[in-house]
Structure formats: structure tokens, C-alpha cells
Amino acid sequence: MRAHPSLFAVLPVLITLECIVPKKAEKPKASQEEKGLNQPPISKRTALFIIGIISAAIAVLTAWQMIPSKGWVEGILWGFLYGALVWAMFFGNILLKRSLRK
């Protein structure tokens, strides 16, 4: 099995970059402007309220569309599932941002 030719073109660049930038380089301190950009645009309480309204609306609309074809129980379960998925995406985004900032 032969190695791809682009591997040999990239390898010398990586070696020279390690020589130029030390592995334990000091991180520059963030300025006031950069600190302001890291702040969320809305508060967590407002976000929870908006997500609550959106998830309830999606759950009701999904159930409304599913009830005529699948029945009451299955339609309500599908509505609950889609409403819960909105919350899962919201909290997943929070966890992802926390893990990337560390």
C-alpha cells in the first residue's frame, strides 16, 4: 500500500511549525472588547421562557397533525417527543459550549 503524495507535502510544514511555535506558548490576555463578545445576548431565564413556548407550540402542532392519522395516544406521544427534542438540543448546545470553553 502506497502513501498519498500530499502526505509528504504536509509533513515538512508540520515539522517547521513545531519549531517556530513552542508547545507551551503563553496565551494572550483577553481585552475588554473580547470579554464583551463572550457574554450571551439574552439571559438564561429569557432563553428558558422562549424555549418553553417554542417546545409547547411544536408539541401541540405535531400532536394536532398526528391525531387524525395515528390516533390520540400516538399523536400525543409524538408531540411530546418533538417538544422534548427541542429541550435536548437546547441543553446539548449548552453542554457543547461549556466543553469547548475549557
PDB file of N, CA and C in Angstrom:
ATOM      1  N   MET A   1       0.842  -1.178   0.000  1.00  0.00           N
ATOM      2  CA  MET A   1       0.000   0.000   0.000  1.00  0.00           C
ATOM      3  C   MET A   1       0.888   1.243   0.000  1.00  0.00           C
ATOM      4  N   ARG A   2       0.617   2.151  -0.906  1.00  0.00           N
ATOM      5  CA  ARG A   2       1.436   3.355  -1.044  1.00  0.00           C
ATOM      6  C   ARG A   2       0.802   4.520  -0.294  1.00  0.00           C
ATOM      7  N   ALA A   3       1.634   5.410   0.219  1.00  0.00           N
ATOM      8  CA  ALA A   3       1.165   6.609   0.909  1.00  0.00           C
ATOM      9  C   ALA A   3       0.734   7.652  -0.122  1.00  0.00           C
ATOM     10  N   HIS A   4      -0.235   8.445   0.264  1.00  0.00           N
ATOM     11  CA  HIS A   4      -0.727   9.501  -0.615  1.00  0.00           C
ATOM     12  C   HIS A   4       0.348  10.573  -0.770  1.00  0.00           C
ATOM     13  N   PRO A   5       0.564  11.124  -1.997  1.00  0.00           N
ATOM     14  CA  PRO A   5       1.633  12.111  -2.213  1.00  0.00           C
ATOM     15  C   PRO A   5       1.473  13.381  -1.387  1.00  0.00           C
ATOM     16  N   SER A   6       0.232  13.777  -1.078  1.00  0.00           N
ATOM     17  CA  SER A   6       0.055  15.013  -0.318  1.00  0.00           C
ATOM     18  C   SER A   6       0.564  14.872   1.117  1.00  0.00           C
ATOM     19  N   LEU A   7       0.703  13.645   1.615  1.00  0.00           N
ATOM     20  CA  LEU A   7       1.231  13.436   2.953  1.00  0.00           C
ATOM     21  C   LEU A   7       2.658  13.958   3.050  1.00  0.00           C
ATOM     22  N   PHE A   8       3.432  13.748   2.017  1.00  0.00           N
ATOM     23  CA  PHE A   8       4.821  14.192   2.033  1.00  0.00           C
ATOM     24  C   PHE A   8       4.931  15.708   1.876  1.00  0.00           C
ATOM     25  N   ALA A   9       3.915  16.346   1.303  1.00  0.00           N
ATOM     26  CA  ALA A   9       3.937  17.793   1.168  1.00  0.00           C
ATOM     27  C   ALA A   9       3.568  18.479   2.477  1.00  0.00           C
ATOM     28  N   VAL A  10       2.704  17.872   3.287  1.00  0.00           N
ATOM     29  CA  VAL A  10       2.228  18.473   4.532  1.00  0.00           C
ATOM     30  C   VAL A  10       3.191  18.201   5.683  1.00  0.00           C
ATOM     31  N   LEU A  11       3.837  17.085   5.700  1.00  0.00           N
ATOM     32  CA  LEU A  11       4.695  16.684   6.805  1.00  0.00           C
ATOM     33  C   LEU A  11       5.815  17.686   7.103  1.00  0.00           C
ATOM     34  N   PRO A  12       6.562  18.223   6.118  1.00  0.00           N
ATOM     35  CA  PRO A  12       7.604  19.211   6.443  1.00  0.00           C
ATOM     36  C   PRO A  12       7.038  20.498   7.037  1.00  0.00           C
ATOM     37  N   VAL A  13       5.837  20.886   6.618  1.00  0.00           N
ATOM     38  CA  VAL A  13       5.214  22.093   7.158  1.00  0.00           C
ATOM     39  C   VAL A  13       4.921  21.904   8.635  1.00  0.00           C
ATOM     40  N   LEU A  14       4.416  20.754   9.026  1.00  0.00           N
ATOM     41  CA  LEU A  14       4.115  20.488  10.421  1.00  0.00           C
ATOM     42  C   LEU A  14       5.380  20.485  11.265  1.00  0.00           C
ATOM     43  N   ILE A  15       6.435  19.954  10.747  1.00  0.00           N
ATOM     44  CA  ILE A  15       7.685  19.904  11.499  1.00  0.00           C
ATOM     45  C   ILE A  15       8.228  21.315  11.718  1.00  0.00           C
ATOM     46  N   THR A  16       8.182  22.191  10.686  1.00  0.00           N
ATOM     47  CA  THR A  16       8.685  23.547  10.849  1.00  0.00           C
ATOM     48  C   THR A  16       7.794  24.373  11.758  1.00  0.00           C
ATOM     49  N   LEU A  17       6.492  24.132  11.770  1.00  0.00           N
ATOM     50  CA  LEU A  17       5.602  24.875  12.662  1.00  0.00           C
ATOM     51  C   LEU A  17       5.879  24.538  14.118  1.00  0.00           C
ATOM     52  N   GLU A  18       6.239  23.303  14.418  1.00  0.00           N
ATOM     53  CA  GLU A  18       6.579  22.948  15.787  1.00  0.00           C
ATOM     54  C   GLU A  18       7.845  23.653  16.237  1.00  0.00           C
ATOM     55  N   CYS A  19       8.761  23.910  15.327  1.00  0.00           N
ATOM     56  CA  CYS A  19       9.992  24.607  15.683  1.00  0.00           C
ATOM     57  C   CYS A  19       9.736  26.094  15.917  1.00  0.00           C
ATOM     58  N   ILE A  20       8.798  26.679  15.185  1.00  0.00           N
ATOM     59  CA  ILE A  20       8.533  28.109  15.289  1.00  0.00           C
ATOM     60  C   ILE A  20       7.707  28.424  16.534  1.00  0.00           C
ATOM     61  N   VAL A  21       6.612  27.698  16.763  1.00  0.00           N
ATOM     62  CA  VAL A  21       5.718  27.961  17.878  1.00  0.00           C
ATOM     63  C   VAL A  21       5.962  26.911  18.956  1.00  0.00           C
ATOM     64  N   PRO A  22       6.407  27.317  20.128  1.00  0.00           N
ATOM     65  CA  PRO A  22       6.617  26.335  21.179  1.00  0.00           C
ATOM     66  C   PRO A  22       5.287  25.763  21.665  1.00  0.00           C
ATOM     67  N   LYS A  23       5.312  24.558  22.187  1.00  0.00           N
ATOM     68  CA  LYS A  23       4.079  23.906  22.620  1.00  0.00           C
ATOM     69  C   LYS A  23       3.480  24.561  23.850  1.00  0.00           C
ATOM     70  N   LYS A  24       4.332  25.168  24.690  1.00  0.00           N
ATOM     71  CA  LYS A  24       3.835  25.810  25.909  1.00  0.00           C
ATOM     72  C   LYS A  24       3.869  27.325  25.762  1.00  0.00           C
ATOM     73  N   ALA A  25       3.313  27.824  24.671  1.00  0.00           N
ATOM     74  CA  ALA A  25       3.289  29.266  24.445  1.00  0.00           C
ATOM     75  C   ALA A  25       2.267  29.908  25.380  1.00  0.00           C
ATOM     76  N   GLU A  26       2.570  31.117  25.846  1.00  0.00           N
ATOM     77  CA  GLU A  26       1.652  31.826  26.730  1.00  0.00           C
ATOM     78  C   GLU A  26       0.471  32.346  25.922  1.00  0.00           C
ATOM     79  N   LYS A  27      -0.720  32.248  26.521  1.00  0.00           N
ATOM     80  CA  LYS A  27      -1.917  32.743  25.861  1.00  0.00           C
ATOM     81  C   LYS A  27      -2.049  34.239  26.120  1.00  0.00           C
ATOM     82  N   PRO A  28      -2.375  35.018  25.089  1.00  0.00           N
ATOM     83  CA  PRO A  28      -2.558  36.453  25.321  1.00  0.00           C
ATOM     84  C   PRO A  28      -3.825  36.695  26.146  1.00  0.00           C
ATOM     85  N   LYS A  29      -3.763  37.709  26.992  1.00  0.00           N
ATOM     86  CA  LYS A  29      -4.921  38.031  27.833  1.00  0.00           C
ATOM     87  C   LYS A  29      -6.007  38.680  26.981  1.00  0.00           C
ATOM     88  N   ALA A  30      -7.262  38.353  27.306  1.00  0.00           N
ATOM     89  CA  ALA A  30      -8.391  38.877  26.542  1.00  0.00           C
ATOM     90  C   ALA A  30      -8.638  40.334  26.922  1.00  0.00           C
ATOM     91  N   SER A  31      -8.923  41.145  25.940  1.00  0.00           N
ATOM     92  CA  SER A  31      -9.223  42.549  26.195  1.00  0.00           C
ATOM     93  C   SER A  31     -10.687  42.690  26.619  1.00  0.00           C
ATOM     94  N   GLN A  32     -11.058  43.902  27.011  1.00  0.00           N
ATOM     95  CA  GLN A  32     -12.433  44.160  27.447  1.00  0.00           C
ATOM     96  C   GLN A  32     -13.419  43.909  26.311  1.00  0.00           C
ATOM     97  N   GLU A  33     -13.036  44.250  25.095  1.00  0.00           N
ATOM     98  CA  GLU A  33     -13.932  44.073  23.957  1.00  0.00           C
ATOM     99  C   GLU A  33     -14.198  42.588  23.704  1.00  0.00           C
ATOM    100  N   GLU A  34     -13.175  41.756  23.815  1.00  0.00           N
ATOM    101  CA  GLU A  34     -13.341  40.321  23.617  1.00  0.00           C
ATOM    102  C   GLU A  34     -14.171  39.712  24.733  1.00  0.00           C
ATOM    103  N   LYS A  35     -14.024  40.224  25.954  1.00  0.00           N
ATOM    104  CA  LYS A  35     -14.838  39.719  27.062  1.00  0.00           C
ATOM    105  C   LYS A  35     -16.309  40.028  26.824  1.00  0.00           C
ATOM    106  N   GLY A  36     -16.602  41.186  26.243  1.00  0.00           N
ATOM    107  CA  GLY A  36     -17.981  41.551  25.947  1.00  0.00           C
ATOM    108  C   GLY A  36     -18.592  40.659  24.878  1.00  0.00           C
ATOM    109  N   LEU A  37     -17.771  40.197  23.943  1.00  0.00           N
ATOM    110  CA  LEU A  37     -18.279  39.322  22.886  1.00  0.00           C
ATOM    111  C   LEU A  37     -18.592  37.927  23.414  1.00  0.00           C
ATOM    112  N   ASN A  38     -17.971  37.529  24.514  1.00  0.00           N
ATOM    113  CA  ASN A  38     -18.228  36.208  25.077  1.00  0.00           C
ATOM    114  C   ASN A  38     -19.500  36.150  25.903  1.00  0.00           C
ATOM    115  N   GLN A  39     -20.084  37.288  26.216  1.00  0.00           N
ATOM    116  CA  GLN A  39     -21.309  37.319  27.005  1.00  0.00           C
ATOM    117  C   GLN A  39     -22.506  36.923  26.135  1.00  0.00           C
ATOM    118  N   PRO A  40     -23.479  36.200  26.703  1.00  0.00           N
ATOM    119  CA  PRO A  40     -24.646  35.800  25.913  1.00  0.00           C
ATOM    120  C   PRO A  40     -25.526  37.004  25.579  1.00  0.00           C
ATOM    121  N   PRO A  41     -26.191  36.973  24.436  1.00  0.00           N
ATOM    122  CA  PRO A  41     -27.026  38.108  24.036  1.00  0.00           C
ATOM    123  C   PRO A  41     -28.305  38.242  24.868  1.00  0.00           C
ATOM    124  N   ILE A  42     -28.827  37.126  25.403  1.00  0.00           N
ATOM    125  CA  ILE A  42     -30.013  37.170  26.257  1.00  0.00           C
ATOM    126  C   ILE A  42     -29.726  36.380  27.526  1.00  0.00           C
ATOM    127  N   SER A  43     -30.516  36.653  28.571  1.00  0.00           N
ATOM    128  CA  SER A  43     -30.298  35.956  29.841  1.00  0.00           C
ATOM    129  C   SER A  43     -30.812  34.518  29.745  1.00  0.00           C
ATOM    130  N   LYS A  44     -30.362  33.697  30.673  1.00  0.00           N
ATOM    131  CA  LYS A  44     -30.762  32.286  30.669  1.00  0.00           C
ATOM    132  C   LYS A  44     -32.252  32.151  30.967  1.00  0.00           C
ATOM    133  N   ARG A  45     -32.772  33.009  31.823  1.00  0.00           N
ATOM    134  CA  ARG A  45     -34.206  32.961  32.155  1.00  0.00           C
ATOM    135  C   ARG A  45     -35.055  33.254  30.918  1.00  0.00           C
ATOM    136  N   THR A  46     -34.663  34.260  30.142  1.00  0.00           N
ATOM    137  CA  THR A  46     -35.388  34.589  28.915  1.00  0.00           C
ATOM    138  C   THR A  46     -35.291  33.449  27.908  1.00  0.00           C
ATOM    139  N   ALA A  47     -34.130  32.851  27.807  1.00  0.00           N
ATOM    140  CA  ALA A  47     -33.948  31.733  26.875  1.00  0.00           C
ATOM    141  C   ALA A  47     -34.826  30.547  27.270  1.00  0.00           C
ATOM    142  N   LEU A  48     -34.898  30.239  28.561  1.00  0.00           N
ATOM    143  CA  LEU A  48     -35.749  29.143  29.022  1.00  0.00           C
ATOM    144  C   LEU A  48     -37.216  29.424  28.717  1.00  0.00           C
ATOM    145  N   PHE A  49     -37.637  30.671  28.886  1.00  0.00           N
ATOM    146  CA  PHE A  49     -39.018  31.042  28.580  1.00  0.00           C
ATOM    147  C   PHE A  49     -39.319  30.873  27.088  1.00  0.00           C
ATOM    148  N   ILE A  50     -38.420  31.342  26.238  1.00  0.00           N
ATOM    149  CA  ILE A  50     -38.612  31.232  24.789  1.00  0.00           C
ATOM    150  C   ILE A  50     -38.617  29.771  24.350  1.00  0.00           C
ATOM    151  N   ILE A  51     -37.697  28.977  24.874  1.00  0.00           N
ATOM    152  CA  ILE A  51     -37.632  27.552  24.526  1.00  0.00           C
ATOM    153  C   ILE A  51     -38.890  26.839  25.009  1.00  0.00           C
ATOM    154  N   GLY A  52     -39.392  27.226  26.167  1.00  0.00           N
ATOM    155  CA  GLY A  52     -40.635  26.628  26.676  1.00  0.00           C
ATOM    156  C   GLY A  52     -41.810  26.885  25.755  1.00  0.00           C
ATOM    157  N   ILE A  53     -41.941  28.109  25.288  1.00  0.00           N
ATOM    158  CA  ILE A  53     -43.048  28.443  24.375  1.00  0.00           C
ATOM    159  C   ILE A  53     -42.878  27.715  23.040  1.00  0.00           C
ATOM    160  N   ILE A  54     -41.668  27.704  22.516  1.00  0.00           N
ATOM    161  CA  ILE A  54     -41.426  27.048  21.226  1.00  0.00           C
ATOM    162  C   ILE A  54     -41.673  25.546  21.318  1.00  0.00           C
ATOM    163  N   SER A  55     -41.191  24.912  22.393  1.00  0.00           N
ATOM    164  CA  SER A  55     -41.377  23.463  22.510  1.00  0.00           C
ATOM    165  C   SER A  55     -42.846  23.103  22.707  1.00  0.00           C
ATOM    166  N   ALA A  56     -43.576  23.924  23.470  1.00  0.00           N
ATOM    167  CA  ALA A  56     -45.007  23.668  23.639  1.00  0.00           C
ATOM    168  C   ALA A  56     -45.746  23.826  22.309  1.00  0.00           C
ATOM    169  N   ALA A  57     -45.400  24.851  21.540  1.00  0.00           N
ATOM    170  CA  ALA A  57     -46.048  25.069  20.247  1.00  0.00           C
ATOM    171  C   ALA A  57     -45.746  23.921  19.287  1.00  0.00           C
ATOM    172  N   ILE A  58     -44.503  23.458  19.255  1.00  0.00           N
ATOM    173  CA  ILE A  58     -44.141  22.343  18.372  1.00  0.00           C
ATOM    174  C   ILE A  58     -44.851  21.064  18.803  1.00  0.00           C
ATOM    175  N   ALA A  59     -44.935  20.838  20.120  1.00  0.00           N
ATOM    176  CA  ALA A  59     -45.618  19.646  20.612  1.00  0.00           C
ATOM    177  C   ALA A  59     -47.098  19.658  20.240  1.00  0.00           C
ATOM    178  N   VAL A  60     -47.751  20.795  20.412  1.00  0.00           N
ATOM    179  CA  VAL A  60     -49.184  20.894  20.092  1.00  0.00           C
ATOM    180  C   VAL A  60     -49.414  20.741  18.586  1.00  0.00           C
ATOM    181  N   LEU A  61     -48.608  21.418  17.779  1.00  0.00           N
ATOM    182  CA  LEU A  61     -48.802  21.331  16.329  1.00  0.00           C
ATOM    183  C   LEU A  61     -48.520  19.916  15.802  1.00  0.00           C
ATOM    184  N   THR A  62     -47.507  19.255  16.363  1.00  0.00           N
ATOM    185  CA  THR A  62     -47.217  17.887  15.936  1.00  0.00           C
ATOM    186  C   THR A  62     -48.347  16.945  16.327  1.00  0.00           C
ATOM    187  N   ALA A  63     -48.824  17.074  17.557  1.00  0.00           N
ATOM    188  CA  ALA A  63     -49.933  16.225  18.002  1.00  0.00           C
ATOM    189  C   ALA A  63     -51.175  16.488  17.145  1.00  0.00           C
ATOM    190  N   TRP A  64     -51.441  17.743  16.847  1.00  0.00           N
ATOM    191  CA  TRP A  64     -52.600  18.113  16.042  1.00  0.00           C
ATOM    192  C   TRP A  64     -52.539  17.446  14.656  1.00  0.00           C
ATOM    193  N   GLN A  65     -51.357  17.396  14.073  1.00  0.00           N
ATOM    194  CA  GLN A  65     -51.217  16.779  12.763  1.00  0.00           C
ATOM    195  C   GLN A  65     -51.249  15.245  12.815  1.00  0.00           C
ATOM    196  N   MET A  66     -50.794  14.660  13.916  1.00  0.00           N
ATOM    197  CA  MET A  66     -50.704  13.201  14.013  1.00  0.00           C
ATOM    198  C   MET A  66     -52.001  12.540  14.474  1.00  0.00           C
ATOM    199  N   ILE A  67     -52.818  13.238  15.243  1.00  0.00           N
ATOM    200  CA  ILE A  67     -54.022  12.628  15.817  1.00  0.00           C
ATOM    201  C   ILE A  67     -54.976  12.076  14.752  1.00  0.00           C
ATOM    202  N   PRO A  68     -55.261  12.787  13.658  1.00  0.00           N
ATOM    203  CA  PRO A  68     -56.190  12.214  12.670  1.00  0.00           C
ATOM    204  C   PRO A  68     -55.695  10.917  12.020  1.00  0.00           C
ATOM    205  N   SER A  69     -54.390  10.771  11.857  1.00  0.00           N
ATOM    206  CA  SER A  69     -53.901   9.584  11.163  1.00  0.00           C
ATOM    207  C   SER A  69     -53.470   8.464  12.101  1.00  0.00           C
ATOM    208  N   LYS A  70     -52.965   8.772  13.282  1.00  0.00           N
ATOM    209  CA  LYS A  70     -52.419   7.751  14.177  1.00  0.00           C
ATOM    210  C   LYS A  70     -53.267   7.502  15.420  1.00  0.00           C
ATOM    211  N   GLY A  71     -54.156   8.376  15.765  1.00  0.00           N
ATOM    212  CA  GLY A  71     -54.945   8.226  16.980  1.00  0.00           C
ATOM    213  C   GLY A  71     -54.451   9.166  18.076  1.00  0.00           C
ATOM    214  N   TRP A  72     -55.248   9.265  19.163  1.00  0.00           N
ATOM    215  CA  TRP A  72     -54.955  10.211  20.226  1.00  0.00           C
ATOM    216  C   TRP A  72     -53.664   9.887  20.974  1.00  0.00           C
ATOM    217  N   VAL A  73     -53.507   8.660  21.380  1.00  0.00           N
ATOM    218  CA  VAL A  73     -52.360   8.301  22.222  1.00  0.00           C
ATOM    219  C   VAL A  73     -51.051   8.472  21.454  1.00  0.00           C
ATOM    220  N   GLU A  74     -50.974   7.911  20.262  1.00  0.00           N
ATOM    221  CA  GLU A  74     -49.741   8.004  19.493  1.00  0.00           C
ATOM    222  C   GLU A  74     -49.465   9.436  19.047  1.00  0.00           C
ATOM    223  N   GLY A  75     -50.509  10.193  18.712  1.00  0.00           N
ATOM    224  CA  GLY A  75     -50.326  11.590  18.328  1.00  0.00           C
ATOM    225  C   GLY A  75     -49.769  12.427  19.463  1.00  0.00           C
ATOM    226  N   ILE A  76     -50.295  12.215  20.679  1.00  0.00           N
ATOM    227  CA  ILE A  76     -49.793  12.958  21.838  1.00  0.00           C
ATOM    228  C   ILE A  76     -48.362  12.542  22.157  1.00  0.00           C
ATOM    229  N   LEU A  77     -48.040  11.262  22.025  1.00  0.00           N
ATOM    230  CA  LEU A  77     -46.671  10.810  22.280  1.00  0.00           C
ATOM    231  C   LEU A  77     -45.680  11.412  21.279  1.00  0.00           C
ATOM    232  N   TRP A  78     -46.064  11.484  20.012  1.00  0.00           N
ATOM    233  CA  TRP A  78     -45.191  12.109  19.015  1.00  0.00           C
ATOM    234  C   TRP A  78     -45.009  13.599  19.309  1.00  0.00           C
ATOM    235  N   GLY A  79     -46.077  14.257  19.717  1.00  0.00           N
ATOM    236  CA  GLY A  79     -45.975  15.672  20.089  1.00  0.00           C
ATOM    237  C   GLY A  79     -45.041  15.872  21.270  1.00  0.00           C
ATOM    238  N   PHE A  80     -45.159  14.994  22.269  1.00  0.00           N
ATOM    239  CA  PHE A  80     -44.271  15.066  23.428  1.00  0.00           C
ATOM    240  C   PHE A  80     -42.821  14.825  23.019  1.00  0.00           C
ATOM    241  N   LEU A  81     -42.599  13.882  22.115  1.00  0.00           N
ATOM    242  CA  LEU A  81     -41.250  13.585  21.650  1.00  0.00           C
ATOM    243  C   LEU A  81     -40.615  14.800  20.968  1.00  0.00           C
ATOM    244  N   TYR A  82     -41.338  15.442  20.072  1.00  0.00           N
ATOM    245  CA  TYR A  82     -40.790  16.598  19.369  1.00  0.00           C
ATOM    246  C   TYR A  82     -40.581  17.778  20.311  1.00  0.00           C
ATOM    247  N   GLY A  83     -41.471  17.956  21.279  1.00  0.00           N
ATOM    248  CA  GLY A  83     -41.267  19.011  22.278  1.00  0.00           C
ATOM    249  C   GLY A  83     -40.037  18.745  23.126  1.00  0.00           C
ATOM    250  N   ALA A  84     -39.815  17.480  23.493  1.00  0.00           N
ATOM    251  CA  ALA A  84     -38.641  17.117  24.299  1.00  0.00           C
ATOM    252  C   ALA A  84     -37.351  17.262  23.490  1.00  0.00           C
ATOM    253  N   LEU A  85     -37.402  17.020  22.192  1.00  0.00           N
ATOM    254  CA  LEU A  85     -36.205  17.167  21.363  1.00  0.00           C
ATOM    255  C   LEU A  85     -35.726  18.618  21.298  1.00  0.00           C
ATOM    256  N   VAL A  86     -36.646  19.565  21.390  1.00  0.00           N
ATOM    257  CA  VAL A  86     -36.249  20.970  21.421  1.00  0.00           C
ATOM    258  C   VAL A  86     -35.422  21.235  22.676  1.00  0.00           C
ATOM    259  N   TRP A  87     -35.867  20.691  23.818  1.00  0.00           N
ATOM    260  CA  TRP A  87     -35.115  20.860  25.066  1.00  0.00           C
ATOM    261  C   TRP A  87     -33.776  20.138  24.994  1.00  0.00           C
ATOM    262  N   ALA A  88     -33.748  18.973  24.377  1.00  0.00           N
ATOM    263  CA  ALA A  88     -32.488  18.224  24.253  1.00  0.00           C
ATOM    264  C   ALA A  88     -31.476  19.015  23.432  1.00  0.00           C
ATOM    265  N   MET A  89     -31.913  19.660  22.357  1.00  0.00           N
ATOM    266  CA  MET A  89     -30.995  20.469  21.551  1.00  0.00           C
ATOM    267  C   MET A  89     -30.505  21.677  22.335  1.00  0.00           C
ATOM    268  N   PHE A  90     -31.387  22.285  23.123  1.00  0.00           N
ATOM    269  CA  PHE A  90     -31.022  23.456  23.912  1.00  0.00           C
ATOM    270  C   PHE A  90     -29.946  23.112  24.941  1.00  0.00           C
ATOM    271  N   PHE A  91     -30.184  22.054  25.723  1.00  0.00           N
ATOM    272  CA  PHE A  91     -29.213  21.679  26.742  1.00  0.00           C
ATOM    273  C   PHE A  91     -27.957  21.063  26.135  1.00  0.00           C
ATOM    274  N   GLY A  92     -28.093  20.401  24.998  1.00  0.00           N
ATOM    275  CA  GLY A  92     -26.925  19.893  24.299  1.00  0.00           C
ATOM    276  C   GLY A  92     -26.019  21.021  23.836  1.00  0.00           C
ATOM    277  N   ASN A  93     -26.618  22.113  23.381  1.00  0.00           N
ATOM    278  CA  ASN A  93     -25.839  23.273  22.963  1.00  0.00           C
ATOM    279  C   ASN A  93     -25.104  23.882  24.156  1.00  0.00           C
ATOM    280  N   ILE A  94     -25.751  23.963  25.302  1.00  0.00           N
ATOM    281  CA  ILE A  94     -25.102  24.496  26.500  1.00  0.00           C
ATOM    282  C   ILE A  94     -23.923  23.615  26.896  1.00  0.00           C
ATOM    283  N   LEU A  95     -24.108  22.290  26.890  1.00  0.00           N
ATOM    284  CA  LEU A  95     -23.023  21.386  27.252  1.00  0.00           C
ATOM    285  C   LEU A  95     -21.860  21.471  26.258  1.00  0.00           C
ATOM    286  N   LEU A  96     -22.179  21.602  24.989  1.00  0.00           N
ATOM    287  CA  LEU A  96     -21.137  21.713  23.972  1.00  0.00           C
ATOM    288  C   LEU A  96     -20.319  22.989  24.160  1.00  0.00           C
ATOM    289  N   LYS A  97     -20.994  24.111  24.426  1.00  0.00           N
ATOM    290  CA  LYS A  97     -20.282  25.373  24.634  1.00  0.00           C
ATOM    291  C   LYS A  97     -19.413  25.309  25.884  1.00  0.00           C
ATOM    292  N   ARG A  98     -19.904  24.679  26.945  1.00  0.00           N
ATOM    293  CA  ARG A  98     -19.101  24.547  28.172  1.00  0.00           C
ATOM    294  C   ARG A  98     -17.862  23.708  27.923  1.00  0.00           C
ATOM    295  N   SER A  99     -18.011  22.621  27.193  1.00  0.00           N
ATOM    296  CA  SER A  99     -16.864  21.748  26.965  1.00  0.00           C
ATOM    297  C   SER A  99     -15.836  22.400  26.044  1.00  0.00           C
ATOM    298  N   LEU A 100     -16.268  23.236  25.113  1.00  0.00           N
ATOM    299  CA  LEU A 100     -15.335  23.889  24.202  1.00  0.00           C
ATOM    300  C   LEU A 100     -14.610  25.064  24.853  1.00  0.00           C
ATOM    301  N   ARG A 101     -15.196  25.663  25.874  1.00  0.00           N
ATOM    302  CA  ARG A 101     -14.555  26.811  26.531  1.00  0.00           C
ATOM    303  C   ARG A 101     -13.492  26.390  27.518  1.00  0.00           C
ATOM    304  N   LYS A 102     -13.478  25.151  27.947  1.00  0.00           N
ATOM    305  CA  LYS A 102     -12.496  24.711  28.941  1.00  0.00           C
ATOM    306  C   LYS A 102     -11.182  24.413  28.337  1.00  0.00           C
TER     307      LYS A 102
END
